[in-house]
Amino acid sequence: MYTKDFEIRWSDIDANRHLANSAYINYMSHTRTAFLQDHGFSLMALSKAGIGPVVFHEHVHYFKEAFLGQPITVSLEVSGLSEDGMFFKFDHNFYNSKGQNLAFCEIVGAWINLETRKLTGLSADLLEMANKFPKTEDFKVLTKEDMRLHGRLPKDLKL
């Protein structure tokens, strides 16, 4: 399990004086970026490959409040990856200093080619590194069909 430690800042709290929803999202993004960097997916490596990560959805479950000045730990484990590395699913957990689970989030995404703006699999060297990511006990090999399980389709506004 990969972890990153944070201290809740004044700018991270909302009108209820607890950790704001947007701060949870920012902490997870920071943790993912650090995780990728530490596992060979540096900005330079991604730039060289011409790819970037995109998020399809994030589903957050909140269990306990977190407050200003409290230290928290955000974890990341890979719970899914497609055979070509195109699709990924990460699990994040938030913990307080007592180890209590404050929140859980499942994030599902993919890699896009930054020139064509189309989804793409990973190059052989990046895929080899991705296959070494720490995985959850219930890790799943993802398929394109797994990306559609939520059943949501776009509904355009009639202008």
N, C-alpha and C. Protein backbone atom coordinates (compact mmCIF):
# COMPACT_ATOMS: atom_id res chain seq x y z
N MET A 1 0.84 -1.17 0.00
CA MET A 1 0.00 0.00 0.00
C MET A 1 0.89 1.24 0.00
N TYR A 2 0.56 2.17 -0.87
CA TYR A 2 1.28 3.43 -0.96
C TYR A 2 0.55 4.45 -0.08
N THR A 3 1.30 5.25 0.68
CA THR A 3 0.67 6.27 1.53
C THR A 3 1.37 7.61 1.41
N LYS A 4 0.61 8.66 1.67
CA LYS A 4 1.12 10.03 1.68
C LYS A 4 0.48 10.75 2.87
N ASP A 5 1.30 11.48 3.62
CA ASP A 5 0.82 12.19 4.81
C ASP A 5 0.58 13.66 4.51
N PHE A 6 -0.47 14.20 5.14
CA PHE A 6 -0.85 15.60 4.98
C PHE A 6 -1.28 16.16 6.33
N GLU A 7 -1.24 17.49 6.44
CA GLU A 7 -1.85 18.18 7.58
C GLU A 7 -2.93 19.08 7.01
N ILE A 8 -4.11 19.02 7.58
CA ILE A 8 -5.24 19.79 7.06
C ILE A 8 -5.00 21.28 7.30
N ARG A 9 -5.04 22.03 6.20
CA ARG A 9 -4.78 23.47 6.23
C ARG A 9 -6.09 24.26 6.31
N TRP A 10 -5.96 25.53 6.65
CA TRP A 10 -7.12 26.42 6.71
C TRP A 10 -7.87 26.40 5.37
N SER A 11 -7.15 26.42 4.28
CA SER A 11 -7.78 26.45 2.95
C SER A 11 -8.46 25.14 2.58
N ASP A 12 -8.29 24.09 3.39
CA ASP A 12 -8.89 22.78 3.10
C ASP A 12 -10.24 22.57 3.78
N ILE A 13 -10.64 23.50 4.65
CA ILE A 13 -11.90 23.30 5.37
C ILE A 13 -13.03 24.12 4.73
N ASP A 14 -14.27 23.70 5.01
CA ASP A 14 -15.43 24.39 4.45
C ASP A 14 -16.21 25.12 5.55
N ALA A 15 -17.41 25.59 5.23
CA ALA A 15 -18.22 26.35 6.19
C ALA A 15 -18.61 25.53 7.41
N ASN A 16 -18.58 24.22 7.31
CA ASN A 16 -18.87 23.34 8.46
C ASN A 16 -17.64 23.08 9.32
N ARG A 17 -16.53 23.71 8.97
CA ARG A 17 -15.26 23.61 9.69
C ARG A 17 -14.66 22.20 9.67
N HIS A 18 -15.03 21.42 8.66
CA HIS A 18 -14.38 20.12 8.48
C HIS A 18 -13.79 20.06 7.07
N LEU A 19 -13.05 19.02 6.80
CA LEU A 19 -12.37 18.88 5.51
C LEU A 19 -13.39 18.93 4.37
N ALA A 20 -13.19 19.86 3.45
CA ALA A 20 -14.12 20.07 2.33
C ALA A 20 -14.01 18.94 1.31
N ASN A 21 -15.12 18.70 0.64
CA ASN A 21 -15.15 17.68 -0.41
C ASN A 21 -14.05 17.92 -1.44
N SER A 22 -13.87 19.16 -1.86
CA SER A 22 -12.86 19.46 -2.87
C SER A 22 -11.45 19.15 -2.36
N ALA A 23 -11.23 19.28 -1.06
CA ALA A 23 -9.92 18.97 -0.48
C ALA A 23 -9.64 17.47 -0.54
N TYR A 24 -10.66 16.64 -0.32
CA TYR A 24 -10.48 15.19 -0.46
C TYR A 24 -10.00 14.88 -1.88
N ILE A 25 -10.65 15.50 -2.87
CA ILE A 25 -10.29 15.27 -4.27
C ILE A 25 -8.85 15.72 -4.52
N ASN A 26 -8.48 16.89 -3.99
CA ASN A 26 -7.11 17.39 -4.17
C ASN A 26 -6.07 16.50 -3.50
N TYR A 27 -6.36 16.02 -2.29
CA TYR A 27 -5.41 15.13 -1.61
C TYR A 27 -5.24 13.82 -2.38
N MET A 28 -6.32 13.31 -2.94
CA MET A 28 -6.21 12.07 -3.73
C MET A 28 -5.39 12.31 -4.99
N SER A 29 -5.62 13.43 -5.65
CA SER A 29 -4.86 13.77 -6.85
C SER A 29 -3.38 13.90 -6.53
N HIS A 30 -3.06 14.57 -5.43
CA HIS A 30 -1.66 14.72 -5.00
C HIS A 30 -1.04 13.35 -4.72
N THR A 31 -1.80 12.49 -4.04
CA THR A 31 -1.30 11.14 -3.72
C THR A 31 -1.06 10.34 -4.99
N ARG A 32 -2.01 10.40 -5.94
CA ARG A 32 -1.84 9.67 -7.21
C ARG A 32 -0.63 10.16 -7.98
N THR A 33 -0.45 11.47 -8.04
CA THR A 33 0.69 12.04 -8.76
C THR A 33 2.00 11.58 -8.13
N ALA A 34 2.08 11.61 -6.81
CA ALA A 34 3.28 11.15 -6.11
C ALA A 34 3.50 9.66 -6.34
N PHE A 35 2.42 8.88 -6.27
CA PHE A 35 2.50 7.44 -6.51
C PHE A 35 3.06 7.16 -7.91
N LEU A 36 2.49 7.81 -8.91
CA LEU A 36 2.94 7.59 -10.29
C LEU A 36 4.41 8.00 -10.44
N GLN A 37 4.77 9.15 -9.89
CA GLN A 37 6.16 9.62 -9.93
C GLN A 37 7.10 8.59 -9.30
N ASP A 38 6.72 8.09 -8.14
CA ASP A 38 7.56 7.13 -7.41
C ASP A 38 7.63 5.76 -8.07
N HIS A 39 6.72 5.50 -9.01
CA HIS A 39 6.70 4.20 -9.70
C HIS A 39 7.08 4.31 -11.17
N GLY A 40 7.85 5.36 -11.52
CA GLY A 40 8.41 5.48 -12.86
C GLY A 40 7.58 6.24 -13.86
N PHE A 41 6.40 6.72 -13.44
CA PHE A 41 5.52 7.46 -14.33
C PHE A 41 5.68 8.96 -14.08
N SER A 42 6.91 9.45 -14.21
CA SER A 42 7.20 10.86 -13.98
C SER A 42 6.57 11.70 -15.10
N LEU A 43 6.47 13.00 -14.85
CA LEU A 43 5.95 13.90 -15.88
C LEU A 43 6.79 13.80 -17.14
N MET A 44 8.11 13.65 -16.98
CA MET A 44 8.99 13.52 -18.13
C MET A 44 8.71 12.22 -18.90
N ALA A 45 8.53 11.12 -18.17
CA ALA A 45 8.25 9.83 -18.82
C ALA A 45 6.91 9.88 -19.54
N LEU A 46 5.91 10.50 -18.92
CA LEU A 46 4.59 10.61 -19.55
C LEU A 46 4.66 11.52 -20.77
N SER A 47 5.41 12.62 -20.66
CA SER A 47 5.59 13.54 -21.79
C SER A 47 6.28 12.84 -22.95
N LYS A 48 7.31 12.07 -22.63
CA LYS A 48 8.04 11.32 -23.67
C LYS A 48 7.11 10.32 -24.36
N ALA A 49 6.23 9.69 -23.60
CA ALA A 49 5.28 8.72 -24.17
C ALA A 49 4.10 9.41 -24.84
N GLY A 50 3.94 10.71 -24.58
CA GLY A 50 2.84 11.46 -25.19
C GLY A 50 1.47 11.11 -24.62
N ILE A 51 1.45 10.72 -23.34
CA ILE A 51 0.18 10.31 -22.73
C ILE A 51 -0.07 11.07 -21.43
N GLY A 52 -1.32 11.02 -21.00
CA GLY A 52 -1.70 11.60 -19.72
C GLY A 52 -2.89 10.84 -19.15
N PRO A 53 -3.05 10.87 -17.83
CA PRO A 53 -4.18 10.17 -17.21
C PRO A 53 -5.45 11.02 -17.26
N VAL A 54 -6.59 10.36 -17.44
CA VAL A 54 -7.89 11.01 -17.36
C VAL A 54 -8.77 10.23 -16.38
N VAL A 55 -9.64 10.95 -15.70
CA VAL A 55 -10.55 10.33 -14.73
C VAL A 55 -11.93 10.18 -15.36
N PHE A 56 -12.50 8.98 -15.28
CA PHE A 56 -13.88 8.76 -15.72
C PHE A 56 -14.85 9.09 -14.58
N HIS A 57 -14.56 8.58 -13.40
CA HIS A 57 -15.39 8.92 -12.24
C HIS A 57 -14.65 8.63 -10.94
N GLU A 58 -15.06 9.37 -9.92
CA GLU A 58 -14.58 9.17 -8.55
C GLU A 58 -15.82 9.00 -7.68
N HIS A 59 -15.83 7.95 -6.89
CA HIS A 59 -16.97 7.68 -6.00
C HIS A 59 -16.44 7.68 -4.57
N VAL A 60 -16.84 8.69 -3.80
CA VAL A 60 -16.32 8.87 -2.45
C VAL A 60 -17.37 8.47 -1.41
N HIS A 61 -16.93 7.74 -0.39
CA HIS A 61 -17.75 7.39 0.77
C HIS A 61 -17.10 8.05 1.98
N TYR A 62 -17.86 8.88 2.70
CA TYR A 62 -17.35 9.58 3.87
C TYR A 62 -17.83 8.87 5.13
N PHE A 63 -16.90 8.60 6.07
CA PHE A 63 -17.23 7.88 7.30
C PHE A 63 -17.13 8.74 8.55
N LYS A 64 -16.07 9.54 8.65
CA LYS A 64 -15.83 10.38 9.83
C LYS A 64 -15.30 11.73 9.37
N GLU A 65 -15.53 12.75 10.18
CA GLU A 65 -15.03 14.08 9.86
C GLU A 65 -13.54 14.20 10.14
N ALA A 66 -12.91 15.13 9.43
CA ALA A 66 -11.52 15.50 9.67
C ALA A 66 -11.49 17.02 9.81
N PHE A 67 -10.61 17.52 10.70
CA PHE A 67 -10.64 18.94 11.06
C PHE A 67 -9.28 19.62 10.88
N LEU A 68 -9.34 20.95 10.88
CA LEU A 68 -8.17 21.81 10.72
C LEU A 68 -7.04 21.38 11.65
N GLY A 69 -5.84 21.28 11.10
CA GLY A 69 -4.65 20.96 11.87
C GLY A 69 -4.41 19.48 12.09
N GLN A 70 -5.39 18.65 11.80
CA GLN A 70 -5.22 17.21 12.01
C GLN A 70 -4.31 16.61 10.94
N PRO A 71 -3.42 15.72 11.34
CA PRO A 71 -2.66 14.98 10.33
C PRO A 71 -3.55 13.86 9.77
N ILE A 72 -3.46 13.65 8.47
CA ILE A 72 -4.17 12.55 7.83
C ILE A 72 -3.21 11.81 6.90
N THR A 73 -3.54 10.58 6.65
CA THR A 73 -2.79 9.75 5.71
C THR A 73 -3.74 9.31 4.61
N VAL A 74 -3.30 9.46 3.37
CA VAL A 74 -4.08 9.01 2.22
C VAL A 74 -3.34 7.84 1.59
N SER A 75 -4.06 6.74 1.40
CA SER A 75 -3.44 5.55 0.80
C SER A 75 -3.90 5.39 -0.64
N LEU A 76 -3.15 4.60 -1.37
CA LEU A 76 -3.51 4.25 -2.74
C LEU A 76 -3.12 2.80 -2.98
N GLU A 77 -4.05 2.05 -3.53
CA GLU A 77 -3.78 0.70 -4.02
C GLU A 77 -4.46 0.57 -5.37
N VAL A 78 -3.87 -0.21 -6.25
CA VAL A 78 -4.45 -0.45 -7.56
C VAL A 78 -5.40 -1.63 -7.44
N SER A 79 -6.68 -1.38 -7.75
CA SER A 79 -7.68 -2.45 -7.65
C SER A 79 -8.08 -2.99 -9.02
N GLY A 80 -7.57 -2.37 -10.09
CA GLY A 80 -7.85 -2.87 -11.43
C GLY A 80 -6.94 -2.25 -12.46
N LEU A 81 -6.65 -3.04 -13.49
CA LEU A 81 -5.81 -2.60 -14.60
C LEU A 81 -6.15 -3.48 -15.79
N SER A 82 -6.32 -2.87 -16.97
CA SER A 82 -6.59 -3.68 -18.15
C SER A 82 -5.29 -4.32 -18.64
N GLU A 83 -5.42 -5.35 -19.46
CA GLU A 83 -4.24 -6.08 -19.93
C GLU A 83 -3.26 -5.18 -20.66
N ASP A 84 -3.77 -4.19 -21.41
CA ASP A 84 -2.89 -3.27 -22.14
C ASP A 84 -2.54 -2.03 -21.33
N GLY A 85 -3.06 -1.96 -20.10
CA GLY A 85 -2.77 -0.82 -19.22
C GLY A 85 -3.61 0.41 -19.49
N MET A 86 -4.49 0.36 -20.50
CA MET A 86 -5.30 1.54 -20.85
C MET A 86 -6.18 1.99 -19.69
N PHE A 87 -6.88 1.05 -19.07
CA PHE A 87 -7.82 1.38 -18.00
C PHE A 87 -7.22 1.05 -16.64
N PHE A 88 -7.54 1.88 -15.65
CA PHE A 88 -7.07 1.62 -14.29
C PHE A 88 -8.16 1.95 -13.28
N LYS A 89 -8.06 1.32 -12.13
CA LYS A 89 -8.94 1.62 -11.00
C LYS A 89 -8.07 1.69 -9.76
N PHE A 90 -8.14 2.81 -9.05
CA PHE A 90 -7.37 3.02 -7.83
C PHE A 90 -8.33 3.13 -6.65
N ASP A 91 -7.92 2.58 -5.52
CA ASP A 91 -8.65 2.72 -4.26
C ASP A 91 -7.85 3.63 -3.34
N HIS A 92 -8.51 4.66 -2.84
CA HIS A 92 -7.92 5.57 -1.86
C HIS A 92 -8.65 5.41 -0.53
N ASN A 93 -7.90 5.43 0.55
CA ASN A 93 -8.47 5.49 1.90
C ASN A 93 -7.83 6.66 2.63
N PHE A 94 -8.62 7.32 3.47
CA PHE A 94 -8.16 8.40 4.32
C PHE A 94 -8.17 7.90 5.75
N TYR A 95 -7.08 8.16 6.49
CA TYR A 95 -6.96 7.73 7.88
C TYR A 95 -6.54 8.89 8.75
N ASN A 96 -7.04 8.92 10.00
CA ASN A 96 -6.55 9.90 10.96
C ASN A 96 -5.33 9.33 11.68
N SER A 97 -4.80 10.08 12.64
CA SER A 97 -3.57 9.65 13.33
C SER A 97 -3.78 8.41 14.20
N LYS A 98 -5.04 8.06 14.48
CA LYS A 98 -5.34 6.84 15.25
C LYS A 98 -5.58 5.64 14.33
N GLY A 99 -5.44 5.86 13.02
CA GLY A 99 -5.66 4.78 12.07
C GLY A 99 -7.12 4.56 11.71
N GLN A 100 -8.00 5.46 12.17
CA GLN A 100 -9.41 5.32 11.85
C GLN A 100 -9.66 5.72 10.40
N ASN A 101 -10.47 4.92 9.70
CA ASN A 101 -10.79 5.16 8.29
C ASN A 101 -11.83 6.28 8.19
N LEU A 102 -11.41 7.41 7.63
CA LEU A 102 -12.28 8.58 7.51
C LEU A 102 -13.11 8.57 6.24
N ALA A 103 -12.53 8.04 5.15
CA ALA A 103 -13.22 8.05 3.86
C ALA A 103 -12.57 7.02 2.94
N PHE A 104 -13.34 6.62 1.93
CA PHE A 104 -12.86 5.70 0.90
C PHE A 104 -13.30 6.26 -0.45
N CYS A 105 -12.45 6.12 -1.45
CA CYS A 105 -12.80 6.54 -2.80
C CYS A 105 -12.28 5.54 -3.81
N GLU A 106 -13.14 5.23 -4.76
CA GLU A 106 -12.75 4.42 -5.92
C GLU A 106 -12.69 5.39 -7.10
N ILE A 107 -11.56 5.40 -7.78
CA ILE A 107 -11.40 6.24 -8.96
C ILE A 107 -11.12 5.34 -10.15
N VAL A 108 -11.82 5.60 -11.25
CA VAL A 108 -11.66 4.83 -12.48
C VAL A 108 -11.23 5.79 -13.57
N GLY A 109 -10.23 5.38 -14.34
CA GLY A 109 -9.73 6.24 -15.40
C GLY A 109 -9.00 5.48 -16.47
N ALA A 110 -8.32 6.24 -17.32
CA ALA A 110 -7.60 5.66 -18.46
C ALA A 110 -6.48 6.61 -18.86
N TRP A 111 -5.73 6.18 -19.84
CA TRP A 111 -4.66 7.00 -20.41
C TRP A 111 -5.10 7.48 -21.78
N ILE A 112 -4.79 8.75 -22.10
CA ILE A 112 -5.07 9.27 -23.43
C ILE A 112 -3.78 9.68 -24.11
N ASN A 113 -3.79 9.57 -25.42
CA ASN A 113 -2.72 10.08 -26.26
C ASN A 113 -2.94 11.59 -26.33
N LEU A 114 -1.97 12.37 -25.91
CA LEU A 114 -2.14 13.82 -25.82
C LEU A 114 -2.19 14.52 -27.17
N GLU A 115 -1.77 13.83 -28.23
CA GLU A 115 -1.85 14.42 -29.57
C GLU A 115 -3.19 14.11 -30.22
N THR A 116 -3.59 12.83 -30.21
CA THR A 116 -4.84 12.43 -30.87
C THR A 116 -6.06 12.61 -29.98
N ARG A 117 -5.85 12.74 -28.65
CA ARG A 117 -6.91 12.87 -27.65
C ARG A 117 -7.78 11.61 -27.60
N LYS A 118 -7.21 10.48 -27.97
CA LYS A 118 -7.90 9.19 -27.94
C LYS A 118 -7.31 8.33 -26.83
N LEU A 119 -8.13 7.42 -26.29
CA LEU A 119 -7.64 6.48 -25.29
C LEU A 119 -6.55 5.61 -25.88
N THR A 120 -5.58 5.25 -25.05
CA THR A 120 -4.47 4.44 -25.54
C THR A 120 -3.96 3.52 -24.44
N GLY A 121 -3.42 2.40 -24.86
CA GLY A 121 -2.75 1.51 -23.92
C GLY A 121 -1.36 2.05 -23.60
N LEU A 122 -0.71 1.41 -22.66
CA LEU A 122 0.64 1.82 -22.26
C LEU A 122 1.69 1.18 -23.16
N SER A 123 2.81 1.86 -23.33
CA SER A 123 3.95 1.28 -24.03
C SER A 123 4.46 0.09 -23.23
N ALA A 124 5.24 -0.76 -23.86
CA ALA A 124 5.73 -1.98 -23.20
C ALA A 124 6.48 -1.67 -21.91
N ASP A 125 7.33 -0.63 -21.91
CA ASP A 125 8.10 -0.33 -20.70
C ASP A 125 7.22 0.22 -19.58
N LEU A 126 6.25 1.08 -19.92
CA LEU A 126 5.34 1.58 -18.89
C LEU A 126 4.41 0.48 -18.38
N LEU A 127 3.97 -0.40 -19.27
CA LEU A 127 3.10 -1.51 -18.86
C LEU A 127 3.84 -2.44 -17.90
N GLU A 128 5.11 -2.68 -18.18
CA GLU A 128 5.91 -3.52 -17.28
C GLU A 128 5.97 -2.91 -15.88
N MET A 129 6.13 -1.58 -15.81
CA MET A 129 6.16 -0.90 -14.50
C MET A 129 4.78 -0.93 -13.85
N ALA A 130 3.72 -0.72 -14.64
CA ALA A 130 2.36 -0.71 -14.10
C ALA A 130 1.99 -2.07 -13.53
N ASN A 131 2.46 -3.13 -14.14
CA ASN A 131 2.16 -4.47 -13.65
C ASN A 131 2.82 -4.77 -12.30
N LYS A 132 3.75 -3.90 -11.89
CA LYS A 132 4.42 -4.05 -10.58
C LYS A 132 3.78 -3.17 -9.50
N PHE A 133 2.75 -2.40 -9.86
CA PHE A 133 2.06 -1.56 -8.88
C PHE A 133 1.53 -2.42 -7.74
N PRO A 134 1.50 -1.88 -6.50
CA PRO A 134 0.87 -2.62 -5.39
C PRO A 134 -0.63 -2.76 -5.67
N LYS A 135 -1.13 -3.97 -5.45
CA LYS A 135 -2.52 -4.27 -5.81
C LYS A 135 -3.34 -4.68 -4.59
N THR A 136 -4.64 -4.45 -4.69
CA THR A 136 -5.56 -4.89 -3.65
C THR A 136 -5.73 -6.40 -3.72
N GLU A 137 -6.24 -6.98 -2.64
CA GLU A 137 -6.49 -8.43 -2.63
C GLU A 137 -7.53 -8.82 -3.66
N ASP A 138 -8.47 -7.92 -3.95
CA ASP A 138 -9.52 -8.23 -4.93
C ASP A 138 -9.24 -7.60 -6.30
N PHE A 139 -7.96 -7.42 -6.62
CA PHE A 139 -7.55 -6.85 -7.91
C PHE A 139 -8.26 -7.55 -9.06
N LYS A 140 -8.65 -6.76 -10.06
CA LYS A 140 -9.36 -7.30 -11.22
C LYS A 140 -8.70 -6.82 -12.50
N VAL A 141 -8.60 -7.71 -13.49
CA VAL A 141 -8.17 -7.31 -14.83
C VAL A 141 -9.38 -6.64 -15.48
N LEU A 142 -9.24 -5.38 -15.84
CA LEU A 142 -10.35 -4.60 -16.36
C LEU A 142 -10.53 -4.77 -17.86
N THR A 143 -11.77 -4.63 -18.30
CA THR A 143 -12.11 -4.65 -19.73
C THR A 143 -12.85 -3.35 -20.06
N LYS A 144 -13.04 -3.11 -21.34
CA LYS A 144 -13.79 -1.93 -21.77
C LYS A 144 -15.21 -1.97 -21.19
N GLU A 145 -15.78 -3.15 -21.08
CA GLU A 145 -17.13 -3.30 -20.54
C GLU A 145 -17.21 -2.84 -19.08
N ASP A 146 -16.13 -3.04 -18.33
CA ASP A 146 -16.11 -2.58 -16.93
C ASP A 146 -16.25 -1.06 -16.84
N MET A 147 -15.83 -0.35 -17.87
CA MET A 147 -15.91 1.11 -17.87
C MET A 147 -17.34 1.60 -18.05
N ARG A 148 -18.23 0.72 -18.49
CA ARG A 148 -19.61 1.09 -18.77
C ARG A 148 -20.60 0.58 -17.71
N LEU A 149 -20.09 -0.04 -16.64
CA LEU A 149 -20.96 -0.66 -15.64
C LEU A 149 -21.87 0.33 -14.93
N HIS A 150 -21.47 1.58 -14.85
CA HIS A 150 -22.29 2.57 -14.15
C HIS A 150 -23.55 2.91 -14.93
N GLY A 151 -23.57 2.63 -16.23
CA GLY A 151 -24.77 2.83 -17.05
C GLY A 151 -25.12 4.27 -17.37
N ARG A 152 -24.22 5.19 -17.12
CA ARG A 152 -24.50 6.60 -17.39
C ARG A 152 -24.04 6.96 -18.79
N LEU A 153 -24.91 7.66 -19.50
CA LEU A 153 -24.59 8.19 -20.82
C LEU A 153 -24.82 9.69 -20.80
N PRO A 154 -24.12 10.42 -21.67
CA PRO A 154 -24.33 11.87 -21.68
C PRO A 154 -25.74 12.23 -22.14
N LYS A 155 -26.29 13.29 -21.55
CA LYS A 155 -27.59 13.83 -21.96
C LYS A 155 -27.37 15.30 -22.28
N ASP A 156 -27.31 15.61 -23.56
CA ASP A 156 -27.04 16.97 -23.99
C ASP A 156 -28.22 17.90 -23.70
N LEU A 157 -27.92 19.14 -23.45
CA LEU A 157 -28.92 20.17 -23.24
C LEU A 157 -29.49 20.56 -24.59
N LYS A 158 -30.80 20.61 -24.71
CA LYS A 158 -31.46 21.02 -25.96
C LYS A 158 -31.45 22.55 -26.02
N LEU A 159 -30.71 23.08 -27.00
CA LEU A 159 -30.62 24.54 -27.15
C LEU A 159 -31.49 25.02 -28.29
